[in-house]
Amino acid sequence: MATPTKPRRRAQIVAGSAKAARDSLIYLDDRLPFGRWLRPQLRKLFPSHWSFLLGELALYSFVLLLLTGTFLTLFYKPNPDVAYESVVELSLEVRGGLLMRQLHHWSATVFVLAIVAHMCRVFFTGAFRKPRELTWMLGVVLFGLALFESFLGVSLPGDQLAMSGLKQADALLLSIPLVGTYLSAFVFDGAFPGQVIPRVFVAHVLLVPGILLAVVPLHALILTWRQKHTERRATAAGENTVTGGPFFPYFAVKNGATALFTIGFIALLATFVRVNPVWEHGAYRPGAAPPSAQPFWYAGVLDGAQRLVPAWEIPIGGYVLQIGLWIPPLILLVFFGALFLYPFVERRYTGADGYHHLLDRPSQAPVRTALGAAVITFFTVLWAGMWVSAAPPPMHTAPGLPQPPPAPAALLTVPQSTYELIVAVLRVAVFVLPVLAFLITRAVCARRAERLTRAG
């Protein structure tokens, strides 16, 4: 009679480990009911259309921003005297430092681009309507914080380009009557440049990222997870019917692929496209001309607006009000305020007070679509104003002294007369083109909506 053989030691270890893991999960689930909470979350339905992944592009680029920013913080020295040298050393001496800098830059660019694309999708389809007003308002806050964080990051290298931007910010603060000098002294810790680099560093590394780390999960995960997602009318079965694929494995796999695509695309840009070579700009020299570099695309609106707005000044009571200097930031302030309150403004004027889970086609909301087209046209004209600069005048010195170096030319330099003509044309276009864009878009949408109504 054959005797049973004892199981091998490896099989015993596997069986024992499986039993220990199972017993541990049962123990935890009895005391912390993860299973009852996790099971419905894994089966939550998510949409399948590609446009719903624009928010995920922003999320994964933000994660890459945090990772690369942590690496850069280990080598950057936020001291006004050595900040520029530390950035040059980080770029040229630290192994992988330049790649990390460029990964950080392109992550920021993709982050802002994805936010803009995501907000355009939400706006033109009406996905901001009740009950998603809070999600929209948090998105507007994220957009503003991302732009402010980008400005802080560009200012940290302490080179001629970075300090030129901070000098413009200082001039704006000083132009405010009564409190301008106090605000400038508070921000810069004295006269420019003061100790602005350490303060910018704290805001860029701690203050703004801390707010973003609180707002991003609230916007992207909590509110979205607790609410039913919006439905495209082409595939929706009804206003209150949920369609799509489950989070696991369907949407989780799509999210993983989106994350890999986002990181790979940013890595390709960082590898083959050089940006912000601070060693070519040189350290900051008071009074020197800024280098020949145009602002980043998301800062170009402010720069273009400053060129198009006349240098208006109004003397009142011993003060000179720099109206022309205030108009560009006021434009942005009004824009973000209108975006923040738009869901309530549209509901007030349309009377649509119910819950909205179906997305609109742009043609179904002619006024909203026309407003969006007009705003995009307006900012495009402002952005176009930054690309052309007047040729700098020739530099002369007293006899016997060396001739100073010529001021660097911008990317697109034209004679003074041509520059004045271009500015005059853009000043007219900034008022005329948005109105034309509004009228044409509204007419096209109304005609298309009428055609769809007849066909239906």
Protein backbone atom coordinates (compact mmCIF):
# COMPACT_ATOMS: atom_id res chain seq x y z
CA MET A 1 0.00 0.00 0.00
CA ALA A 2 1.45 3.36 -1.07
CA THR A 3 1.81 6.05 1.58
CA PRO A 4 0.87 9.65 0.68
CA THR A 5 3.83 11.89 0.07
CA LYS A 6 4.23 15.07 2.11
CA PRO A 7 3.76 18.32 0.17
CA ARG A 8 6.93 20.06 -0.67
CA ARG A 9 8.07 22.98 1.46
CA ARG A 10 7.46 25.56 -1.30
CA ALA A 11 3.83 24.49 -1.66
CA GLN A 12 3.39 24.74 2.09
CA ILE A 13 4.77 28.29 2.11
CA VAL A 14 2.46 29.35 -0.75
CA ALA A 15 -0.59 27.84 0.90
CA GLY A 16 0.29 29.35 4.26
CA SER A 17 0.89 32.80 2.76
CA ALA A 18 -2.44 32.70 0.92
CA LYS A 19 -4.27 31.71 4.12
CA ALA A 20 -2.52 34.47 6.09
CA ALA A 21 -3.40 37.08 3.47
CA ARG A 22 -7.02 35.91 3.32
CA ASP A 23 -7.38 35.91 7.10
CA SER A 24 -5.80 39.38 7.31
CA LEU A 25 -8.21 40.81 4.74
CA ILE A 26 -11.18 39.23 6.53
CA TYR A 27 -9.93 40.66 9.84
CA LEU A 28 -9.61 44.16 8.39
CA ASP A 29 -12.93 43.97 6.53
CA ASP A 30 -14.75 42.97 9.72
CA ARG A 31 -13.45 46.09 11.48
CA LEU A 32 -13.04 48.50 8.53
CA PRO A 33 -15.64 47.57 5.91
CA PHE A 34 -13.46 48.30 2.87
CA GLY A 35 -15.19 45.65 0.78
CA ARG A 36 -18.66 47.11 1.10
CA TRP A 37 -17.29 50.56 0.18
CA LEU A 38 -14.83 49.50 -2.53
CA ARG A 39 -17.09 47.12 -4.49
CA PRO A 40 -19.56 49.77 -5.74
CA GLN A 41 -16.72 52.23 -6.41
CA LEU A 42 -14.94 49.76 -8.67
CA ARG A 43 -18.20 49.24 -10.59
CA LYS A 44 -18.94 52.97 -10.98
CA LEU A 45 -19.55 53.78 -14.64
CA PHE A 46 -17.35 56.26 -16.49
CA PRO A 47 -17.76 57.72 -20.01
CA SER A 48 -15.82 56.32 -22.95
CA HIS A 49 -15.41 59.38 -25.19
CA TRP A 50 -11.83 60.67 -25.51
CA SER A 51 -12.75 64.24 -24.59
CA PHE A 52 -13.49 63.18 -21.02
CA LEU A 53 -9.78 62.36 -20.59
CA LEU A 54 -8.61 65.98 -20.96
CA GLY A 55 -8.86 66.42 -17.21
CA GLU A 56 -6.71 63.32 -16.72
CA LEU A 57 -4.02 64.89 -18.92
CA ALA A 58 -3.88 67.82 -16.51
CA LEU A 59 -3.83 65.49 -13.50
CA TYR A 60 -0.90 63.37 -14.70
CA SER A 61 1.13 66.37 -15.83
CA PHE A 62 0.54 67.84 -12.35
CA VAL A 63 1.89 64.64 -10.78
CA LEU A 64 4.99 64.86 -12.98
CA LEU A 65 5.34 68.52 -11.98
CA LEU A 66 5.46 67.55 -8.31
CA LEU A 67 8.02 64.78 -8.88
CA THR A 68 10.39 66.87 -10.99
CA GLY A 69 9.95 69.89 -8.74
CA THR A 70 10.98 67.80 -5.74
CA PHE A 71 14.18 66.82 -7.56
CA LEU A 72 14.99 70.43 -8.50
CA THR A 73 14.39 71.64 -4.95
CA LEU A 74 17.24 69.41 -3.72
CA PHE A 75 19.79 71.40 -5.75
CA TYR A 76 18.33 74.91 -6.08
CA LYS A 77 19.61 77.57 -3.67
CA PRO A 78 17.00 80.31 -3.05
CA ASN A 79 19.58 82.94 -2.19
CA PRO A 80 19.61 86.11 -4.33
CA ASP A 81 23.40 86.00 -4.54
CA VAL A 82 23.73 82.40 -5.76
CA ALA A 83 20.31 81.54 -7.26
CA TYR A 84 21.47 82.04 -10.83
CA GLU A 85 24.70 80.09 -10.29
CA SER A 86 22.78 77.21 -8.70
CA VAL A 87 20.45 76.97 -11.72
CA VAL A 88 23.41 76.95 -14.11
CA GLU A 89 25.13 74.29 -12.01
CA LEU A 90 21.92 72.27 -11.84
CA SER A 91 21.58 72.45 -15.63
CA LEU A 92 25.18 71.73 -16.66
CA GLU A 93 26.84 69.91 -13.74
CA VAL A 94 24.19 67.78 -12.02
CA ARG A 95 23.60 64.49 -13.83
CA GLY A 96 20.16 64.62 -15.40
CA GLY A 97 19.59 68.14 -14.10
CA LEU A 98 18.87 69.78 -17.46
CA LEU A 99 16.48 66.97 -18.37
CA MET A 100 14.66 67.43 -15.07
CA ARG A 101 14.41 71.19 -15.62
CA GLN A 102 12.94 70.67 -19.06
CA LEU A 103 10.60 67.94 -17.81
CA HIS A 104 9.40 70.42 -15.20
CA HIS A 105 8.92 73.14 -17.81
CA TRP A 106 7.01 70.99 -20.28
CA SER A 107 4.90 69.45 -17.51
CA ALA A 108 3.82 72.97 -16.57
CA THR A 109 3.05 73.79 -20.20
CA VAL A 110 0.98 70.64 -20.73
CA PHE A 111 -0.73 71.22 -17.37
CA VAL A 112 -1.95 74.68 -18.39
CA LEU A 113 -2.82 73.56 -21.94
CA ALA A 114 -4.85 70.61 -20.64
CA ILE A 115 -6.71 72.87 -18.21
CA VAL A 116 -7.60 75.28 -21.03
CA ALA A 117 -8.78 72.44 -23.31
CA HIS A 118 -10.73 70.81 -20.48
CA MET A 119 -12.45 74.09 -19.54
CA CYS A 120 -13.35 74.74 -23.19
CA ARG A 121 -14.99 71.31 -23.42
CA VAL A 122 -16.92 71.88 -20.20
CA PHE A 123 -17.98 75.39 -21.23
CA PHE A 124 -19.11 74.70 -24.80
CA THR A 125 -21.05 71.56 -23.82
CA GLY A 126 -22.69 73.11 -20.74
CA ALA A 127 -21.18 70.58 -18.32
CA PHE A 128 -20.84 73.33 -15.68
CA ARG A 129 -24.59 73.56 -15.06
CA LYS A 130 -26.44 72.38 -11.98
CA PRO A 131 -25.39 70.31 -10.01
CA ARG A 132 -21.74 70.87 -11.07
CA GLU A 133 -21.30 74.58 -10.32
CA LEU A 134 -18.88 73.91 -7.45
CA THR A 135 -16.72 71.69 -9.66
CA TRP A 136 -16.57 74.45 -12.28
CA MET A 137 -15.64 77.13 -9.73
CA LEU A 138 -12.85 74.95 -8.35
CA GLY A 139 -11.61 74.48 -11.92
CA VAL A 140 -11.45 78.25 -12.40
CA VAL A 141 -9.46 78.55 -9.17
CA LEU A 142 -7.09 75.84 -10.41
CA PHE A 143 -6.62 77.70 -13.70
CA GLY A 144 -5.71 80.94 -11.94
CA LEU A 145 -3.36 79.18 -9.52
CA ALA A 146 -1.64 77.36 -12.39
CA LEU A 147 -0.94 80.64 -14.19
CA PHE A 148 0.37 82.28 -11.01
CA GLU A 149 2.53 79.27 -10.21
CA SER A 150 4.01 79.38 -13.71
CA PHE A 151 4.99 83.02 -13.27
CA LEU A 152 6.67 82.21 -9.95
CA GLY A 153 8.58 79.32 -11.48
CA VAL A 154 9.87 81.39 -14.40
CA SER A 155 11.11 84.01 -11.91
CA LEU A 156 13.19 81.63 -9.77
CA PRO A 157 16.33 81.31 -11.99
CA GLY A 158 17.26 84.92 -11.15
CA ASP A 159 18.65 85.57 -14.64
CA GLN A 160 18.11 88.70 -16.69
CA LEU A 161 14.87 87.40 -18.17
CA ALA A 162 13.37 86.35 -14.84
CA MET A 163 14.23 89.58 -13.06
CA SER A 164 12.81 91.63 -15.95
CA GLY A 165 9.42 90.01 -15.32
CA LEU A 166 9.67 90.68 -11.59
CA LYS A 167 10.63 94.28 -12.33
CA GLN A 168 7.40 94.70 -14.29
CA ALA A 169 5.45 93.26 -11.34
CA ASP A 170 7.20 95.72 -9.02
CA ALA A 171 6.31 98.62 -11.31
CA LEU A 172 2.68 97.55 -11.25
CA LEU A 173 2.65 97.46 -7.45
CA LEU A 174 4.36 100.85 -7.17
CA SER A 175 1.75 102.41 -9.49
CA ILE A 176 -1.05 101.77 -6.97
CA PRO A 177 -1.81 105.02 -5.11
CA LEU A 178 -1.36 105.26 -1.33
CA VAL A 179 -0.49 101.60 -0.68
CA GLY A 180 1.77 100.84 -3.66
CA THR A 181 5.07 101.46 -1.88
CA TYR A 182 3.96 99.37 1.09
CA LEU A 183 2.90 96.48 -1.14
CA SER A 184 6.20 96.59 -3.01
CA ALA A 185 8.20 96.65 0.21
CA PHE A 186 6.18 93.73 1.58
CA VAL A 187 6.61 91.56 -1.53
CA PHE A 188 10.25 92.42 -2.26
CA ASP A 189 11.38 93.08 1.33
CA GLY A 190 12.63 96.53 0.46
CA ALA A 191 13.61 98.19 -2.77
CA PHE A 192 13.81 95.99 -5.86
CA PRO A 193 15.20 93.36 -6.07
CA GLY A 194 15.42 93.06 -2.29
CA GLN A 195 14.90 89.51 -1.02
CA VAL A 196 12.29 88.55 -3.58
CA ILE A 197 13.90 85.24 -4.61
CA PRO A 198 13.45 83.51 -1.21
CA ARG A 199 9.85 84.73 -1.05
CA VAL A 200 9.09 83.57 -4.58
CA PHE A 201 10.67 80.23 -3.70
CA VAL A 202 8.47 79.75 -0.63
CA ALA A 203 5.34 80.67 -2.61
CA HIS A 204 6.31 78.44 -5.56
CA VAL A 205 7.35 75.38 -3.52
CA LEU A 206 5.08 75.52 -0.46
CA LEU A 207 2.19 77.98 -0.63
CA VAL A 208 0.69 77.50 -4.10
CA PRO A 209 1.45 73.75 -4.39
CA GLY A 210 -0.16 73.24 -0.98
CA ILE A 211 -3.35 74.91 -2.20
CA LEU A 212 -3.20 72.91 -5.44
CA LEU A 213 -2.75 69.66 -3.53
CA ALA A 214 -5.94 70.48 -1.63
CA VAL A 215 -8.00 71.67 -4.60
CA VAL A 216 -6.95 69.14 -7.27
CA PRO A 217 -8.22 66.01 -5.41
CA LEU A 218 -11.40 67.84 -4.42
CA HIS A 219 -12.05 68.85 -8.02
CA ALA A 220 -10.85 65.71 -9.82
CA LEU A 221 -11.79 62.93 -7.43
CA ILE A 222 -14.22 63.74 -4.64
CA LEU A 223 -16.82 65.87 -6.44
CA THR A 224 -16.55 63.93 -9.70
CA TRP A 225 -16.73 60.58 -7.90
CA ARG A 226 -19.78 61.55 -5.87
CA GLN A 227 -21.70 62.90 -8.86
CA LYS A 228 -23.08 61.20 -11.93
CA HIS A 229 -20.94 62.00 -14.95
CA THR A 230 -22.40 63.94 -17.86
CA GLU A 231 -23.71 62.10 -20.92
CA ARG A 232 -23.26 62.84 -24.61
CA ARG A 233 -26.61 63.20 -26.31
CA ALA A 234 -25.50 60.99 -29.19
CA THR A 235 -25.03 57.96 -26.90
CA ALA A 236 -27.23 58.76 -23.88
CA ALA A 237 -30.25 56.60 -23.14
CA GLY A 238 -31.91 59.31 -21.09
CA GLU A 239 -31.36 62.29 -18.81
CA ASN A 240 -31.00 60.18 -15.67
CA THR A 241 -29.65 56.96 -17.19
CA VAL A 242 -26.01 56.21 -16.46
CA THR A 243 -23.97 54.68 -19.27
CA GLY A 244 -20.31 53.87 -19.78
CA GLY A 245 -17.77 51.33 -18.61
CA PRO A 246 -16.89 50.34 -15.02
CA PHE A 247 -13.94 51.98 -13.32
CA PHE A 248 -12.20 48.62 -13.00
CA PRO A 249 -10.91 47.34 -15.28
CA TYR A 250 -12.26 49.47 -18.16
CA PHE A 251 -11.57 53.04 -17.03
CA ALA A 252 -8.52 52.09 -14.94
CA VAL A 253 -6.82 50.67 -18.04
CA LYS A 254 -7.68 53.80 -20.04
CA ASN A 255 -6.33 55.98 -17.24
CA GLY A 256 -3.12 53.98 -17.11
CA ALA A 257 -2.65 54.33 -20.87
CA THR A 258 -3.37 58.07 -20.63
CA ALA A 259 -0.78 58.45 -17.87
CA LEU A 260 1.87 56.62 -19.90
CA PHE A 261 1.07 58.66 -23.01
CA THR A 262 1.23 61.96 -21.08
CA ILE A 263 4.55 61.15 -19.40
CA GLY A 264 6.04 59.79 -22.65
CA PHE A 265 4.99 62.84 -24.67
CA ILE A 266 6.39 65.25 -22.07
CA ALA A 267 9.62 63.22 -21.92
CA LEU A 268 10.02 63.48 -25.71
CA LEU A 269 9.55 67.26 -25.58
CA ALA A 270 12.01 67.57 -22.70
CA THR A 271 14.59 65.47 -24.54
CA PHE A 272 14.52 67.15 -27.93
CA VAL A 273 13.27 70.73 -27.33
CA ARG A 274 15.52 73.05 -25.34
CA VAL A 275 13.88 75.81 -23.31
CA ASN A 276 15.03 78.70 -21.11
CA PRO A 277 18.84 78.45 -21.45
CA VAL A 278 19.63 80.69 -18.48
CA TRP A 279 23.38 80.54 -19.12
CA GLU A 280 22.77 82.46 -22.37
CA HIS A 281 20.67 85.15 -20.65
CA GLY A 282 23.30 85.81 -18.00
CA ALA A 283 22.95 86.89 -14.39
CA TYR A 284 20.79 89.89 -13.55
CA ARG A 285 22.44 93.26 -14.14
CA PRO A 286 20.47 96.35 -13.01
CA GLY A 287 19.67 98.61 -15.94
CA ALA A 288 20.59 96.06 -18.62
CA ALA A 289 18.09 95.33 -21.40
CA PRO A 290 16.11 92.07 -21.12
CA PRO A 291 17.15 89.25 -23.47
CA SER A 292 15.43 88.71 -26.81
CA ALA A 293 12.81 86.25 -25.66
CA GLN A 294 9.06 86.33 -26.02
CA PRO A 295 6.89 85.42 -22.99
CA PHE A 296 5.45 81.95 -22.69
CA TRP A 297 2.14 81.61 -24.50
CA TYR A 298 0.04 81.83 -21.32
CA ALA A 299 1.82 85.03 -20.24
CA GLY A 300 1.72 86.56 -23.71
CA VAL A 301 -1.80 87.91 -23.21
CA LEU A 302 -0.61 90.29 -20.50
CA ASP A 303 2.43 91.37 -22.50
CA GLY A 304 0.37 91.92 -25.64
CA ALA A 305 -2.24 93.91 -23.73
CA GLN A 306 0.45 96.17 -22.28
CA ARG A 307 1.62 96.97 -25.80
CA LEU A 308 -1.87 97.69 -27.12
CA VAL A 309 -3.13 99.83 -24.23
CA PRO A 310 -2.06 103.48 -24.55
CA ALA A 311 0.13 104.89 -21.78
CA TRP A 312 -2.72 106.83 -20.15
CA GLU A 313 -1.90 108.85 -17.03
CA ILE A 314 -4.31 110.91 -14.93
CA PRO A 315 -2.85 113.30 -12.29
CA ILE A 316 -5.19 113.56 -9.26
CA GLY A 317 -4.32 115.20 -5.95
CA GLY A 318 -0.58 114.89 -6.34
CA TYR A 319 -0.79 111.30 -7.57
CA VAL A 320 -0.38 110.10 -11.14
CA LEU A 321 -2.83 107.28 -11.85
CA GLN A 322 -1.22 104.83 -14.30
CA ILE A 323 -4.47 103.79 -15.99
CA GLY A 324 -2.71 102.22 -18.95
CA LEU A 325 -0.63 100.02 -16.64
CA TRP A 326 -3.67 98.79 -14.70
CA ILE A 327 -5.90 97.82 -17.62
CA PRO A 328 -4.15 94.50 -18.59
CA PRO A 329 -4.33 92.93 -15.08
CA LEU A 330 -7.87 94.28 -14.67
CA ILE A 331 -8.83 92.49 -17.89
CA LEU A 332 -7.63 89.19 -16.43
CA LEU A 333 -9.36 89.92 -13.12
CA VAL A 334 -12.69 90.59 -14.85
CA PHE A 335 -12.22 87.49 -17.03
CA PHE A 336 -11.67 85.16 -14.07
CA GLY A 337 -14.53 86.76 -12.16
CA ALA A 338 -16.89 86.22 -15.11
CA LEU A 339 -15.73 82.61 -15.48
CA PHE A 340 -16.22 81.96 -11.77
CA LEU A 341 -19.80 83.26 -11.76
CA TYR A 342 -20.88 82.21 -15.25
CA PRO A 343 -22.97 79.14 -14.23
CA PHE A 344 -25.18 81.36 -12.09
CA VAL A 345 -25.37 84.13 -14.70
CA GLU A 346 -26.48 81.71 -17.42
CA ARG A 347 -29.04 80.09 -15.13
CA ARG A 348 -30.41 83.52 -14.24
CA TYR A 349 -30.92 84.56 -17.87
CA THR A 350 -32.03 81.22 -19.33
CA GLY A 351 -34.23 80.10 -16.45
CA ALA A 352 -32.85 76.54 -16.71
CA ASP A 353 -32.95 75.74 -13.00
CA GLY A 354 -33.17 71.95 -13.19
CA TYR A 355 -30.50 69.29 -13.09
CA HIS A 356 -28.56 68.80 -16.32
CA HIS A 357 -26.78 65.53 -17.03
CA LEU A 358 -26.94 65.63 -20.85
CA LEU A 359 -24.30 67.66 -22.67
CA ASP A 360 -25.35 70.30 -25.19
CA ARG A 361 -24.09 70.43 -28.71
CA PRO A 362 -22.52 73.87 -29.26
CA SER A 363 -25.24 74.66 -31.80
CA GLN A 364 -27.92 74.06 -29.16
CA ALA A 365 -26.65 77.04 -27.12
CA PRO A 366 -25.94 79.75 -29.72
CA VAL A 367 -25.38 82.60 -27.25
CA ARG A 368 -23.04 80.61 -25.01
CA THR A 369 -21.04 79.32 -27.98
CA ALA A 370 -20.87 82.81 -29.50
CA LEU A 371 -19.64 84.26 -26.19
CA GLY A 372 -16.92 81.62 -26.03
CA ALA A 373 -15.82 82.35 -29.59
CA ALA A 374 -15.75 86.10 -28.89
CA VAL A 375 -13.62 85.66 -25.75
CA ILE A 376 -11.17 83.37 -27.56
CA THR A 377 -10.91 85.90 -30.40
CA PHE A 378 -10.35 88.76 -27.95
CA PHE A 379 -7.47 87.01 -26.18
CA THR A 380 -6.00 85.84 -29.49
CA VAL A 381 -5.73 89.46 -30.65
CA LEU A 382 -4.08 90.44 -27.36
CA TRP A 383 -1.71 87.49 -27.68
CA ALA A 384 -0.81 88.55 -31.23
CA GLY A 385 0.31 91.92 -29.89
CA MET A 386 3.32 90.42 -28.13
CA TRP A 387 5.00 89.03 -31.23
CA VAL A 388 6.07 92.29 -32.87
CA SER A 389 8.46 94.83 -31.37
CA ALA A 390 9.91 98.10 -32.59
CA ALA A 391 13.59 98.19 -33.51
CA PRO A 392 15.56 99.68 -30.59
CA PRO A 393 17.06 103.13 -31.20
CA PRO A 394 20.82 103.35 -31.78
CA MET A 395 22.93 103.77 -28.66
CA HIS A 396 25.42 106.65 -28.39
CA THR A 397 27.97 107.64 -25.77
CA ALA A 398 30.10 110.66 -25.09
CA PRO A 399 33.26 111.08 -27.20
CA GLY A 400 36.16 109.02 -25.96
CA LEU A 401 34.03 106.40 -24.21
CA PRO A 402 33.49 102.89 -25.60
CA GLN A 403 30.36 102.31 -27.64
CA PRO A 404 27.73 100.37 -25.63
CA PRO A 405 26.50 97.04 -27.00
CA PRO A 406 23.26 97.25 -28.98
CA ALA A 407 20.07 96.27 -27.22
CA PRO A 408 18.93 92.75 -28.14
CA ALA A 409 16.22 92.60 -30.76
CA ALA A 410 12.97 90.71 -30.24
CA LEU A 411 12.04 87.74 -32.35
CA LEU A 412 10.03 89.86 -34.81
CA THR A 413 11.50 93.35 -35.05
CA VAL A 414 10.11 95.97 -37.41
CA PRO A 415 10.78 99.68 -37.94
CA GLN A 416 9.08 102.11 -35.60
CA SER A 417 6.58 103.31 -38.21
CA THR A 418 5.55 99.74 -39.08
CA TYR A 419 5.24 98.87 -35.39
CA GLU A 420 2.92 101.83 -34.78
CA LEU A 421 0.75 100.77 -37.73
CA ILE A 422 0.50 97.18 -36.46
CA VAL A 423 -0.43 98.38 -32.97
CA ALA A 424 -3.11 100.70 -34.42
CA VAL A 425 -4.60 97.83 -36.44
CA LEU A 426 -4.62 95.51 -33.42
CA ARG A 427 -6.25 98.20 -31.26
CA VAL A 428 -9.14 98.32 -33.71
CA ALA A 429 -9.21 94.54 -34.11
CA VAL A 430 -9.47 93.92 -30.36
CA PHE A 431 -12.88 95.66 -30.39
CA VAL A 432 -14.15 94.68 -33.84
CA LEU A 433 -13.11 91.03 -34.26
CA PRO A 434 -14.75 89.70 -31.04
CA VAL A 435 -18.05 91.31 -32.03
CA LEU A 436 -17.83 89.80 -35.51
CA ALA A 437 -16.92 86.41 -34.02
CA PHE A 438 -19.97 86.60 -31.72
CA LEU A 439 -22.42 87.53 -34.51
CA ILE A 440 -21.10 85.01 -37.01
CA THR A 441 -20.93 82.14 -34.48
CA ARG A 442 -24.43 82.83 -33.17
CA ALA A 443 -25.85 82.92 -36.69
CA VAL A 444 -24.11 79.68 -37.69
CA CYS A 445 -25.25 77.90 -34.51
CA ALA A 446 -28.83 79.11 -34.89
CA ARG A 447 -28.95 77.96 -38.51
CA ARG A 448 -27.52 74.55 -37.62
CA ALA A 449 -29.93 74.14 -34.72
CA GLU A 450 -32.84 74.98 -37.02
CA ARG A 451 -31.62 72.45 -39.58
CA LEU A 452 -31.33 69.74 -36.92
CA THR A 453 -34.82 70.55 -35.67
CA ARG A 454 -36.28 70.15 -39.16
CA ALA A 455 -34.38 66.91 -39.68
CA GLY A 456 -35.58 65.55 -36.31
